[in-house]
Amino acid sequence: MSEIIWWLLPFILAGSFLTALITTKFVIFNSKRANIVGTDKNKVGELVPEMGGIAVVAGTSLGILIAIALGFNFKIDIQVLLAAISTVVIMGILGIIDDLYSLKQKIKAPIPFIAAIPLSAVRAGPTRTVSLPFLDGINFGSFYPLVIVPLGVGGASNAFNMLAGLNGLEAGMGAIISLAIFIAAFMKGSFEAMIISLSLFSACIAFLIYNKFPAKVFPGDVGTYTIGGTIACAVIVGNLEFFGLVLFAPYFLEFLIKARNRFRGQNYGELKNGILHSPKKPESLTHYVMKLAPMSEGKVVAVFWIFEIALSTIALLFFVY
């Protein structure tokens, strides 16, 4: 394992980062030319290139492909990695369709479940046990590939799409969560999960350079779907389901808040002199952060990052001990 870490992972890290960085620049330039831009709701009159999440798809995919190409001498489950990259690409294509045609919520919500098919196929084998704290694990049998895997991929994708819309929020949260999964997978010895999570982490960091406040590009649904779906892939492949659920705590809270408003709420705040204020009736977890104190968009996102870092640290300590 140590030889793989020192010789293979740096190539994955560099390849994913450079691919995502170059692709982000390409998307920014060409989106402006093609007029694929959107209004930044938290700023006045600013048009920003959209669909930057294509860079996350490209960077993550190449990172996994590098592992497949260079890791043939190691004991890596190529079938699992091919299924994961298929899920990433399918998720990206579905996100692009959503971005271009603005599908209705009742149509686009089930779409990510389609991308889970390759992963469900490889997880239909004998390994169907979910590890739980203080327990040996529960064998779900055929229920695991047929229900749990699609729910995991589809649910994570929709969750990331639900808590979004602020500069750097999606990419930053994706980077923090994927890094935590990488560490947990390393502790557990799941190299395939390490490859997937490291590829996503590197791609998110590269994209974040241009997506952080003030954003020069938006991820679009292609970005949110891909980040959420790839995290689910790493969690499922590494048998880290409970660990992943803990990391997704903010997204469960967002789901409950949005459900109370029948999923009609927005995440944007009320902009006054460059400062975001919460609406009188909060419709998102972002609004509750704004209620703590009026703050800039960058600070709102920083609160989420800090909370997720703390949550990841607690989860890792709990995971270790």
Protein backbone atom coordinates (compact mmCIF):
# COMPACT_ATOMS: atom_id res chain seq x y z
CA MET A 1 0.00 0.00 0.00
CA SER A 2 2.81 2.47 0.87
CA GLU A 3 4.40 2.01 -2.57
CA ILE A 4 1.09 2.81 -4.27
CA ILE A 5 0.56 5.90 -2.15
CA TRP A 6 3.93 7.40 -2.90
CA TRP A 7 4.13 6.58 -6.60
CA LEU A 8 0.59 6.53 -7.95
CA LEU A 9 -1.41 9.05 -5.92
CA PRO A 10 0.73 12.10 -6.85
CA PHE A 11 0.02 11.41 -10.54
CA ILE A 12 -3.70 11.24 -9.79
CA LEU A 13 -3.55 14.44 -7.78
CA ALA A 14 -1.61 16.38 -10.42
CA GLY A 15 -3.52 15.01 -13.41
CA SER A 16 -6.93 15.73 -11.92
CA PHE A 17 -5.91 19.22 -10.77
CA LEU A 18 -4.38 20.33 -14.07
CA THR A 19 -7.22 18.90 -16.13
CA ALA A 20 -9.86 20.66 -14.03
CA LEU A 21 -7.87 23.92 -14.02
CA ILE A 22 -7.40 23.99 -17.80
CA THR A 23 -10.99 22.94 -18.44
CA THR A 24 -12.30 25.67 -16.11
CA LYS A 25 -10.40 28.33 -18.09
CA PHE A 26 -11.76 26.84 -21.31
CA VAL A 27 -15.34 26.91 -20.00
CA ILE A 28 -15.04 30.51 -18.77
CA PHE A 29 -13.77 31.75 -22.14
CA ASN A 30 -16.17 29.79 -24.32
CA SER A 31 -19.25 30.25 -22.12
CA LYS A 32 -18.89 34.00 -22.50
CA ARG A 33 -18.60 33.64 -26.27
CA ALA A 34 -21.63 31.34 -26.42
CA ASN A 35 -23.58 33.53 -23.98
CA ILE A 36 -23.99 30.66 -21.52
CA VAL A 37 -24.05 32.96 -18.51
CA GLY A 38 -26.25 33.51 -15.50
CA THR A 39 -27.00 36.28 -13.05
CA ASP A 40 -25.24 36.21 -9.70
CA LYS A 41 -28.25 36.54 -7.38
CA ASN A 42 -26.10 37.81 -4.51
CA LYS A 43 -24.58 40.63 -6.54
CA VAL A 44 -26.04 43.44 -8.60
CA GLY A 45 -26.12 43.04 -12.38
CA GLU A 46 -23.24 40.58 -12.70
CA LEU A 47 -23.31 37.90 -15.40
CA VAL A 48 -21.11 34.88 -14.73
CA PRO A 49 -20.25 31.93 -17.03
CA GLU A 50 -22.18 28.77 -16.13
CA MET A 51 -21.70 25.01 -16.45
CA GLY A 52 -18.19 25.18 -14.97
CA GLY A 53 -18.87 21.82 -13.37
CA ILE A 54 -17.77 20.27 -16.64
CA ALA A 55 -14.25 20.86 -15.31
CA VAL A 56 -15.04 18.76 -12.22
CA VAL A 57 -16.29 15.95 -14.47
CA ALA A 58 -13.15 16.12 -16.61
CA GLY A 59 -10.71 16.34 -13.69
CA THR A 60 -12.32 13.58 -11.65
CA SER A 61 -12.62 11.27 -14.66
CA LEU A 62 -8.98 11.75 -15.68
CA GLY A 63 -7.79 11.10 -12.14
CA ILE A 64 -9.58 7.75 -12.12
CA LEU A 65 -8.31 6.94 -15.64
CA ILE A 66 -4.72 7.62 -14.54
CA ALA A 67 -5.17 5.12 -11.73
CA ILE A 68 -6.50 2.55 -14.19
CA ALA A 69 -3.66 3.18 -16.64
CA LEU A 70 -0.79 3.21 -14.14
CA GLY A 71 -2.13 0.88 -11.49
CA PHE A 72 -2.32 -2.33 -13.49
CA ASN A 73 0.57 -3.84 -11.49
CA PHE A 74 -1.26 -3.27 -8.22
CA LYS A 75 -4.26 -5.04 -6.74
CA ILE A 76 -6.87 -2.54 -7.88
CA ASP A 77 -10.43 -3.50 -8.76
CA ILE A 78 -10.56 -2.08 -12.29
CA GLN A 79 -14.21 -3.09 -12.68
CA VAL A 80 -15.23 -0.93 -9.73
CA LEU A 81 -13.24 2.05 -11.03
CA LEU A 82 -14.79 1.70 -14.49
CA ALA A 83 -18.24 1.64 -12.90
CA ALA A 84 -17.38 4.74 -10.86
CA ILE A 85 -16.12 6.69 -13.87
CA SER A 86 -19.25 5.66 -15.79
CA THR A 87 -21.39 7.08 -12.99
CA VAL A 88 -19.37 10.31 -12.97
CA VAL A 89 -19.70 10.79 -16.73
CA ILE A 90 -23.41 9.90 -16.83
CA MET A 91 -24.02 12.32 -13.97
CA GLY A 92 -22.17 15.02 -15.89
CA ILE A 93 -24.22 14.43 -19.05
CA LEU A 94 -27.49 14.55 -17.11
CA GLY A 95 -26.37 17.76 -15.42
CA ILE A 96 -25.54 19.36 -18.75
CA ILE A 97 -29.01 18.47 -20.05
CA ASP A 98 -30.57 20.03 -16.98
CA ASP A 99 -28.45 23.18 -17.32
CA LEU A 100 -29.32 23.62 -21.00
CA TYR A 101 -33.03 22.84 -20.82
CA SER A 102 -33.95 23.87 -17.25
CA LEU A 103 -35.91 20.73 -16.42
CA LYS A 104 -38.73 20.92 -13.90
CA GLN A 105 -37.96 19.74 -10.37
CA LYS A 106 -40.29 16.74 -10.58
CA ILE A 107 -38.42 15.60 -13.70
CA LYS A 108 -34.83 16.33 -12.73
CA ALA A 109 -35.02 14.99 -9.15
CA PRO A 110 -35.19 11.31 -10.27
CA ILE A 111 -32.62 11.76 -13.07
CA PRO A 112 -29.45 11.13 -10.97
CA PHE A 113 -30.75 7.67 -10.04
CA ILE A 114 -30.03 6.63 -13.63
CA ALA A 115 -26.32 7.28 -13.12
CA ALA A 116 -26.25 4.72 -10.30
CA ILE A 117 -26.86 1.80 -12.67
CA PRO A 118 -23.14 0.97 -13.36
CA LEU A 119 -22.32 1.05 -9.64
CA SER A 120 -25.37 -1.05 -8.79
CA ALA A 121 -24.23 -3.62 -11.33
CA VAL A 122 -20.79 -4.12 -9.78
CA ARG A 123 -22.22 -4.04 -6.26
CA ALA A 124 -24.67 -6.84 -7.10
CA GLY A 125 -22.02 -9.38 -6.08
CA PRO A 126 -21.56 -11.06 -2.71
CA THR A 127 -20.38 -7.91 -0.86
CA ARG A 128 -23.62 -6.32 0.31
CA THR A 129 -22.79 -5.54 3.93
CA VAL A 130 -23.03 -2.03 5.40
CA SER A 131 -20.65 -1.29 8.28
CA LEU A 132 -22.18 0.39 11.31
CA PRO A 133 -20.58 1.67 14.54
CA PHE A 134 -20.23 -0.95 17.27
CA LEU A 135 -21.73 -3.58 14.97
CA ASP A 136 -20.20 -6.17 12.67
CA GLY A 137 -22.35 -4.90 9.82
CA ILE A 138 -25.69 -5.65 8.27
CA ASN A 139 -26.06 -7.75 5.13
CA PHE A 140 -28.81 -6.21 3.02
CA GLY A 141 -28.63 -8.80 0.25
CA SER A 142 -30.15 -7.74 -3.08
CA PHE A 143 -31.71 -4.71 -1.37
CA TYR A 144 -28.25 -3.11 -1.31
CA PRO A 145 -27.52 -2.84 -5.07
CA LEU A 146 -31.16 -2.41 -6.07
CA VAL A 147 -32.21 0.20 -3.52
CA ILE A 148 -29.41 1.49 -1.28
CA VAL A 149 -26.90 2.23 -4.07
CA PRO A 150 -29.39 4.19 -6.26
CA LEU A 151 -30.70 6.02 -3.20
CA GLY A 152 -27.16 6.92 -2.17
CA VAL A 153 -26.10 8.26 -5.57
CA GLY A 154 -29.41 9.95 -6.34
CA GLY A 155 -29.86 11.33 -2.84
CA ALA A 156 -26.33 12.75 -2.59
CA SER A 157 -26.60 14.39 -6.02
CA ASN A 158 -29.92 16.03 -5.23
CA ALA A 159 -28.63 17.10 -1.81
CA PHE A 160 -25.66 18.93 -3.31
CA ASN A 161 -28.01 20.54 -5.84
CA MET A 162 -30.30 21.67 -3.02
CA LEU A 163 -27.71 23.41 -0.83
CA ALA A 164 -26.03 25.51 -3.49
CA GLY A 165 -25.98 28.91 -5.14
CA LEU A 166 -23.29 30.76 -3.17
CA ASN A 167 -19.81 31.39 -4.55
CA GLY A 168 -17.50 28.51 -3.62
CA LEU A 169 -20.07 26.66 -1.51
CA GLU A 170 -20.42 23.51 -3.62
CA ALA A 171 -16.77 23.13 -4.62
CA GLY A 172 -15.50 23.94 -1.14
CA MET A 173 -17.84 21.51 0.59
CA GLY A 174 -17.03 18.89 -2.03
CA ALA A 175 -13.29 19.30 -1.41
CA ILE A 176 -13.65 19.04 2.38
CA ILE A 177 -15.93 15.99 2.28
CA SER A 178 -13.88 14.16 -0.36
CA LEU A 179 -10.67 14.75 1.62
CA ALA A 180 -12.30 13.34 4.75
CA ILE A 181 -13.44 10.29 2.77
CA PHE A 182 -9.93 9.87 1.38
CA ILE A 183 -8.47 9.79 4.90
CA ALA A 184 -11.14 7.35 6.10
CA ALA A 185 -10.59 5.12 3.06
CA PHE A 186 -6.84 5.15 3.71
CA MET A 187 -7.45 4.04 7.29
CA LYS A 188 -9.68 1.26 6.07
CA GLY A 189 -7.36 0.21 3.23
CA SER A 190 -9.88 0.80 0.44
CA PHE A 191 -7.64 1.96 -2.38
CA GLU A 192 -10.46 2.30 -4.93
CA ALA A 193 -12.31 4.73 -2.65
CA MET A 194 -9.03 6.62 -2.15
CA ILE A 195 -8.63 7.01 -5.92
CA ILE A 196 -12.18 8.29 -6.43
CA SER A 197 -12.14 10.72 -3.50
CA LEU A 198 -8.66 12.06 -4.26
CA SER A 199 -9.60 12.67 -7.91
CA LEU A 200 -12.69 14.61 -6.84
CA PHE A 201 -10.78 16.55 -4.16
CA SER A 202 -8.13 17.68 -6.63
CA ALA A 203 -10.72 18.67 -9.26
CA CYS A 204 -12.75 20.64 -6.71
CA ILE A 205 -9.68 22.54 -5.49
CA ALA A 206 -8.74 23.49 -9.05
CA PHE A 207 -12.28 24.63 -9.83
CA LEU A 208 -12.51 26.52 -6.54
CA ILE A 209 -9.70 28.85 -7.68
CA TYR A 210 -12.18 30.44 -10.10
CA ASN A 211 -15.40 29.65 -8.24
CA LYS A 212 -14.55 31.16 -4.84
CA PHE A 213 -15.94 34.58 -3.93
CA PRO A 214 -16.18 36.61 -6.12
CA ALA A 215 -16.89 33.77 -8.57
CA LYS A 216 -15.68 33.93 -12.16
CA VAL A 217 -17.67 30.79 -13.04
CA PHE A 218 -20.62 28.82 -11.66
CA PRO A 219 -20.67 25.00 -11.37
CA GLY A 220 -24.22 24.63 -12.66
CA ASP A 221 -26.24 21.46 -12.13
CA VAL A 222 -23.52 19.54 -13.95
CA GLY A 223 -21.21 20.47 -11.08
CA THR A 224 -23.56 19.85 -8.16
CA TYR A 225 -24.79 16.52 -9.55
CA THR A 226 -21.25 15.34 -10.25
CA ILE A 227 -19.81 16.31 -6.87
CA GLY A 228 -22.64 14.72 -4.92
CA GLY A 229 -22.74 11.60 -7.08
CA THR A 230 -18.97 11.08 -6.95
CA ILE A 231 -18.94 11.40 -3.17
CA ALA A 232 -21.62 8.71 -3.04
CA CYS A 233 -19.49 6.51 -5.33
CA ALA A 234 -16.47 6.79 -3.02
CA VAL A 235 -18.57 6.09 0.06
CA ILE A 236 -20.24 3.03 -1.49
CA VAL A 237 -17.01 1.63 -2.95
CA GLY A 238 -15.18 2.11 0.37
CA ASN A 239 -18.04 0.69 2.45
CA LEU A 240 -18.16 3.99 4.34
CA GLU A 241 -21.92 4.50 4.25
CA PHE A 242 -22.39 5.56 7.88
CA PHE A 243 -19.35 7.84 7.71
CA GLY A 244 -20.79 9.49 4.60
CA LEU A 245 -24.17 10.03 6.28
CA VAL A 246 -22.49 11.91 9.14
CA LEU A 247 -20.64 14.19 6.70
CA PHE A 248 -23.94 14.99 4.98
CA ALA A 249 -25.57 16.37 8.14
CA PRO A 250 -25.89 19.94 6.71
CA TYR A 251 -27.67 18.53 3.67
CA PHE A 252 -30.17 16.63 5.80
CA LEU A 253 -30.94 19.88 7.62
CA GLU A 254 -31.36 21.65 4.28
CA PHE A 255 -33.74 18.92 3.12
CA LEU A 256 -35.92 19.35 6.21
CA ILE A 257 -36.02 23.13 5.79
CA LYS A 258 -36.85 22.88 2.09
CA ALA A 259 -39.48 20.19 2.73
CA ARG A 260 -41.22 22.53 5.18
CA ASN A 261 -41.48 25.06 2.33
CA ARG A 262 -42.52 22.37 -0.18
CA PHE A 263 -39.13 22.74 -1.91
CA ARG A 264 -39.95 26.23 -3.18
CA GLY A 265 -37.41 28.13 -1.13
CA GLN A 266 -34.27 29.86 -2.39
CA ASN A 267 -30.79 29.96 -0.84
CA TYR A 268 -30.02 33.55 -1.80
CA GLY A 269 -30.11 36.32 0.76
CA GLU A 270 -31.32 39.91 0.56
CA LEU A 271 -28.41 42.05 -0.63
CA LYS A 272 -27.92 45.44 1.04
CA ASN A 273 -24.66 47.34 0.46
CA GLY A 274 -22.75 44.15 -0.31
CA ILE A 275 -24.03 42.40 2.84
CA LEU A 276 -26.44 39.46 2.84
CA HIS A 277 -29.44 39.50 5.14
CA SER A 278 -31.82 36.64 5.83
CA PRO A 279 -35.43 36.96 4.65
CA LYS A 280 -38.03 37.29 7.41
CA LYS A 281 -38.99 33.66 6.88
CA PRO A 282 -35.81 31.57 6.39
CA GLU A 283 -36.12 29.16 3.47
CA SER A 284 -32.66 27.59 3.60
CA LEU A 285 -29.86 26.69 5.98
CA THR A 286 -27.95 29.59 4.39
CA HIS A 287 -30.60 31.99 5.71
CA TYR A 288 -30.16 30.70 9.26
CA VAL A 289 -26.43 31.41 8.97
CA MET A 290 -27.25 34.93 7.77
CA LYS A 291 -29.53 35.38 10.79
CA LEU A 292 -26.53 34.90 13.08
CA ALA A 293 -25.28 38.24 11.76
CA PRO A 294 -25.48 40.03 8.41
CA MET A 295 -22.33 39.15 6.52
CA SER A 296 -20.78 39.03 3.07
CA GLU A 297 -21.34 36.07 0.78
CA GLY A 298 -17.75 34.92 1.26
CA LYS A 299 -18.19 34.82 5.05
CA VAL A 300 -21.46 32.87 4.79
CA VAL A 301 -19.66 30.23 2.74
CA ALA A 302 -16.73 30.24 5.18
CA VAL A 303 -19.14 29.39 8.03
CA PHE A 304 -20.27 26.31 6.11
CA TRP A 305 -16.66 25.32 5.38
CA ILE A 306 -15.67 25.65 9.04
CA PHE A 307 -18.68 23.66 10.17
CA GLU A 308 -17.96 20.88 7.66
CA ILE A 309 -14.28 20.76 8.66
CA ALA A 310 -15.29 20.40 12.32
CA LEU A 311 -17.87 17.76 11.43
CA SER A 312 -15.33 15.84 9.33
CA THR A 313 -12.77 15.95 12.14
CA ILE A 314 -15.28 14.59 14.66
CA ALA A 315 -16.38 11.90 12.21
CA LEU A 316 -12.79 10.84 11.56
CA LEU A 317 -12.00 10.65 15.28
CA PHE A 318 -15.14 8.62 15.82
CA PHE A 319 -14.26 6.47 12.81
CA VAL A 320 -10.75 5.77 14.14
CA TYR A 321 -11.76 4.92 17.66
